[in-house]
Amino acid sequence: MSNKVERFLEKFIFNSRWLLAPFFLGLVVSITLLFIKFAQELAHLIIHVFTAPESQVIIGVLALIDITLVGSLLLMIIFSGYEIFVSKIDTEGHSDRPDWMGKVDFSGLKLKVIGAIVAISAIHLLRTFMEIPAEPTEANTEMFLWKVTIHMAFVLSGVFFALMDRIAASTPNH
């Protein structure tokens, strides 16, 4: 009797992984929303490219890069997260299958996420520096320092994640 209960419980727990599928579908919807914002930014940039100063065009391009990085990050999380936690995606024969698909484990996904966050933070920092006024105020300077500090916190987090993974991988029985 207890063997049947145990098998039922284990099957129930194993099948509960499918509760994550709607989360990944929600992330697919969020990529669609990002695409809409990307199209808006691109249209705005195209309309104003001849009248805007060069710095504003560069900031607009950085905004497009930022949205693209976030979209790529979401796609990576959707594919890898679904394959790690829910089920394998059967695309073996498809010619467009990304090389990394099916090869990224949870540890690799963590590093890719923090790497993308650092890149996104760097783009935001670059945009901030592009907008520095000729005469920075004390408030502006404090804001710039905070943004640099936050960016460095992301960088250090990435280094520590990589270091922890390296230490964990080198320990026996890991």
Protein backbone atom coordinates (compact mmCIF):
# COMPACT_ATOMS: atom_id res chain seq x y z
CA MET A 1 0.00 0.00 0.00
CA SER A 2 2.70 2.50 0.95
CA ASN A 3 4.54 1.64 -2.28
CA LYS A 4 1.46 2.68 -4.32
CA VAL A 5 1.13 5.91 -2.35
CA GLU A 6 4.81 6.63 -2.84
CA ARG A 7 4.61 6.01 -6.61
CA PHE A 8 1.49 8.20 -6.88
CA LEU A 9 3.14 10.97 -4.88
CA GLU A 10 6.33 10.83 -6.95
CA LYS A 11 4.36 10.85 -10.22
CA PHE A 12 2.25 13.78 -8.96
CA ILE A 13 5.36 15.75 -7.95
CA PHE A 14 7.10 14.92 -11.24
CA ASN A 15 4.10 16.03 -13.30
CA SER A 16 3.81 19.27 -11.32
CA ARG A 17 6.68 20.60 -13.43
CA TRP A 18 4.05 21.36 -16.09
CA LEU A 19 2.76 24.15 -13.85
CA LEU A 20 5.78 26.12 -15.09
CA ALA A 21 4.63 25.96 -18.74
CA PRO A 22 2.25 28.96 -18.39
CA PHE A 23 5.14 31.01 -16.98
CA PHE A 24 7.15 30.34 -20.13
CA LEU A 25 4.12 31.16 -22.31
CA GLY A 26 3.83 34.44 -20.42
CA LEU A 27 7.47 35.16 -21.27
CA VAL A 28 6.68 34.50 -24.95
CA VAL A 29 3.92 37.13 -24.68
CA SER A 30 6.43 39.52 -23.09
CA ILE A 31 8.74 39.08 -26.10
CA THR A 32 5.79 40.17 -28.25
CA LEU A 33 5.36 43.25 -26.06
CA LEU A 34 9.08 44.00 -26.39
CA PHE A 35 8.75 43.69 -30.17
CA ILE A 36 6.01 46.33 -30.11
CA LYS A 37 8.25 48.69 -28.09
CA PHE A 38 11.15 47.94 -30.46
CA ALA A 39 8.98 48.82 -33.48
CA GLN A 40 7.89 52.07 -31.78
CA GLU A 41 11.49 53.03 -30.97
CA LEU A 42 12.62 52.17 -34.50
CA ALA A 43 9.80 54.18 -36.09
CA HIS A 44 10.61 57.13 -33.81
CA LEU A 45 14.29 56.88 -34.73
CA ILE A 46 13.57 56.69 -38.47
CA ILE A 47 11.23 59.69 -38.34
CA HIS A 48 13.71 61.87 -36.41
CA VAL A 49 17.06 60.66 -37.80
CA PHE A 50 17.56 63.72 -40.02
CA THR A 51 16.51 66.32 -37.46
CA ALA A 52 17.89 64.87 -34.23
CA PRO A 53 21.44 65.53 -33.05
CA GLU A 54 23.93 62.70 -33.42
CA SER A 55 23.91 61.97 -29.69
CA GLN A 56 20.12 61.45 -29.75
CA VAL A 57 20.45 59.03 -32.69
CA ILE A 58 23.13 57.09 -30.80
CA ILE A 59 20.90 56.99 -27.71
CA GLY A 60 18.05 55.72 -29.90
CA VAL A 61 20.25 52.98 -31.33
CA LEU A 62 21.36 52.04 -27.81
CA ALA A 63 17.69 51.77 -26.83
CA LEU A 64 17.17 49.34 -29.73
CA ILE A 65 20.20 47.32 -28.64
CA ASP A 66 18.90 47.30 -25.07
CA ILE A 67 15.49 45.96 -26.13
CA THR A 68 17.17 43.36 -28.36
CA LEU A 69 19.36 42.14 -25.49
CA VAL A 70 16.36 41.83 -23.19
CA GLY A 71 14.45 39.92 -25.89
CA SER A 72 17.42 37.59 -26.46
CA LEU A 73 17.71 37.04 -22.73
CA LEU A 74 14.01 36.18 -22.51
CA LEU A 75 14.32 33.73 -25.40
CA MET A 76 17.29 32.05 -23.75
CA ILE A 77 15.40 31.79 -20.46
CA ILE A 78 12.31 30.39 -22.22
CA PHE A 79 14.20 27.72 -24.18
CA SER A 80 16.66 26.72 -21.48
CA GLY A 81 14.24 27.01 -18.57
CA TYR A 82 11.60 24.96 -20.35
CA GLU A 83 14.14 22.28 -21.25
CA ILE A 84 15.72 22.23 -17.79
CA PHE A 85 12.54 22.22 -15.73
CA VAL A 86 9.62 21.06 -17.90
CA SER A 87 10.38 18.97 -20.99
CA LYS A 88 12.84 18.62 -23.85
CA ILE A 89 11.94 20.56 -26.98
CA ASP A 90 12.00 18.19 -29.97
CA THR A 91 13.66 20.16 -32.78
CA GLU A 92 16.52 17.77 -33.60
CA GLY A 93 16.02 17.83 -37.35
CA HIS A 94 15.35 21.56 -37.65
CA SER A 95 18.06 23.47 -39.52
CA ASP A 96 17.49 26.67 -37.50
CA ARG A 97 17.94 25.05 -34.08
CA PRO A 98 20.32 27.24 -32.06
CA ASP A 99 23.61 25.47 -31.24
CA TRP A 100 23.31 26.21 -27.52
CA MET A 101 19.80 24.80 -27.24
CA GLY A 102 19.72 21.66 -25.12
CA LYS A 103 23.27 22.25 -23.92
CA VAL A 104 22.70 25.02 -21.35
CA ASP A 105 22.28 23.69 -17.82
CA PHE A 106 20.99 25.67 -14.85
CA SER A 107 24.48 26.86 -13.96
CA GLY A 108 25.15 28.00 -17.53
CA LEU A 109 21.76 29.71 -17.68
CA LYS A 110 22.57 31.64 -14.48
CA LEU A 111 25.83 32.87 -15.99
CA LYS A 112 24.18 33.83 -19.27
CA VAL A 113 21.46 35.75 -17.41
CA ILE A 114 23.94 37.70 -15.28
CA GLY A 115 26.09 38.32 -18.37
CA ALA A 116 23.08 39.76 -20.20
CA ILE A 117 22.16 41.87 -17.15
CA VAL A 118 25.70 43.28 -17.06
CA ALA A 119 25.49 44.07 -20.79
CA ILE A 120 22.10 45.75 -20.38
CA SER A 121 23.41 47.72 -17.40
CA ALA A 122 26.45 48.79 -19.43
CA ILE A 123 24.19 50.07 -22.21
CA HIS A 124 22.11 52.04 -19.70
CA LEU A 125 25.30 53.46 -18.25
CA LEU A 126 26.53 54.45 -21.72
CA ARG A 127 23.18 56.12 -22.43
CA THR A 128 23.49 58.03 -19.15
CA PHE A 129 27.01 59.19 -20.05
CA MET A 130 25.80 60.29 -23.50
CA GLU A 131 23.26 62.54 -21.76
CA ILE A 132 25.69 64.23 -19.32
CA PRO A 133 25.00 67.96 -19.43
CA ALA A 134 27.84 70.41 -20.04
CA GLU A 135 27.48 71.65 -16.47
CA PRO A 136 26.61 68.65 -14.29
CA THR A 137 24.81 69.45 -11.06
CA GLU A 138 25.45 67.79 -7.72
CA ALA A 139 22.24 65.76 -8.16
CA ASN A 140 23.37 64.57 -11.62
CA THR A 141 26.78 63.60 -10.28
CA GLU A 142 25.21 61.63 -7.44
CA MET A 143 22.89 59.86 -9.90
CA PHE A 144 25.85 58.97 -12.16
CA LEU A 145 27.77 57.59 -9.18
CA TRP A 146 24.79 55.47 -8.16
CA LYS A 147 24.44 54.07 -11.68
CA VAL A 148 28.15 53.19 -11.81
CA THR A 149 27.90 51.60 -8.36
CA ILE A 150 24.89 49.52 -9.39
CA HIS A 151 26.62 48.46 -12.61
CA MET A 152 29.72 47.40 -10.66
CA ALA A 153 27.49 45.42 -8.29
CA PHE A 154 26.15 43.53 -11.32
CA VAL A 155 29.69 42.94 -12.59
CA LEU A 156 30.85 41.66 -9.20
CA SER A 157 27.77 39.45 -8.93
CA GLY A 158 28.66 37.92 -12.29
CA VAL A 159 32.24 37.30 -11.20
CA PHE A 160 31.05 35.72 -7.94
CA PHE A 161 28.52 33.51 -9.78
CA ALA A 162 31.26 32.31 -12.12
CA LEU A 163 33.62 31.73 -9.21
CA MET A 164 30.97 29.77 -7.27
CA ASP A 165 30.25 27.60 -10.32
CA ARG A 166 33.95 26.95 -10.80
CA ILE A 167 34.39 25.99 -7.14
CA ALA A 168 31.28 23.77 -7.25
CA ALA A 169 32.44 22.07 -10.46
CA SER A 170 35.86 21.31 -8.96
CA THR A 171 34.47 19.69 -5.80
CA PRO A 172 34.28 15.90 -5.85
CA ASN A 173 30.85 14.29 -6.24
CA HIS A 174 29.31 17.42 -7.71
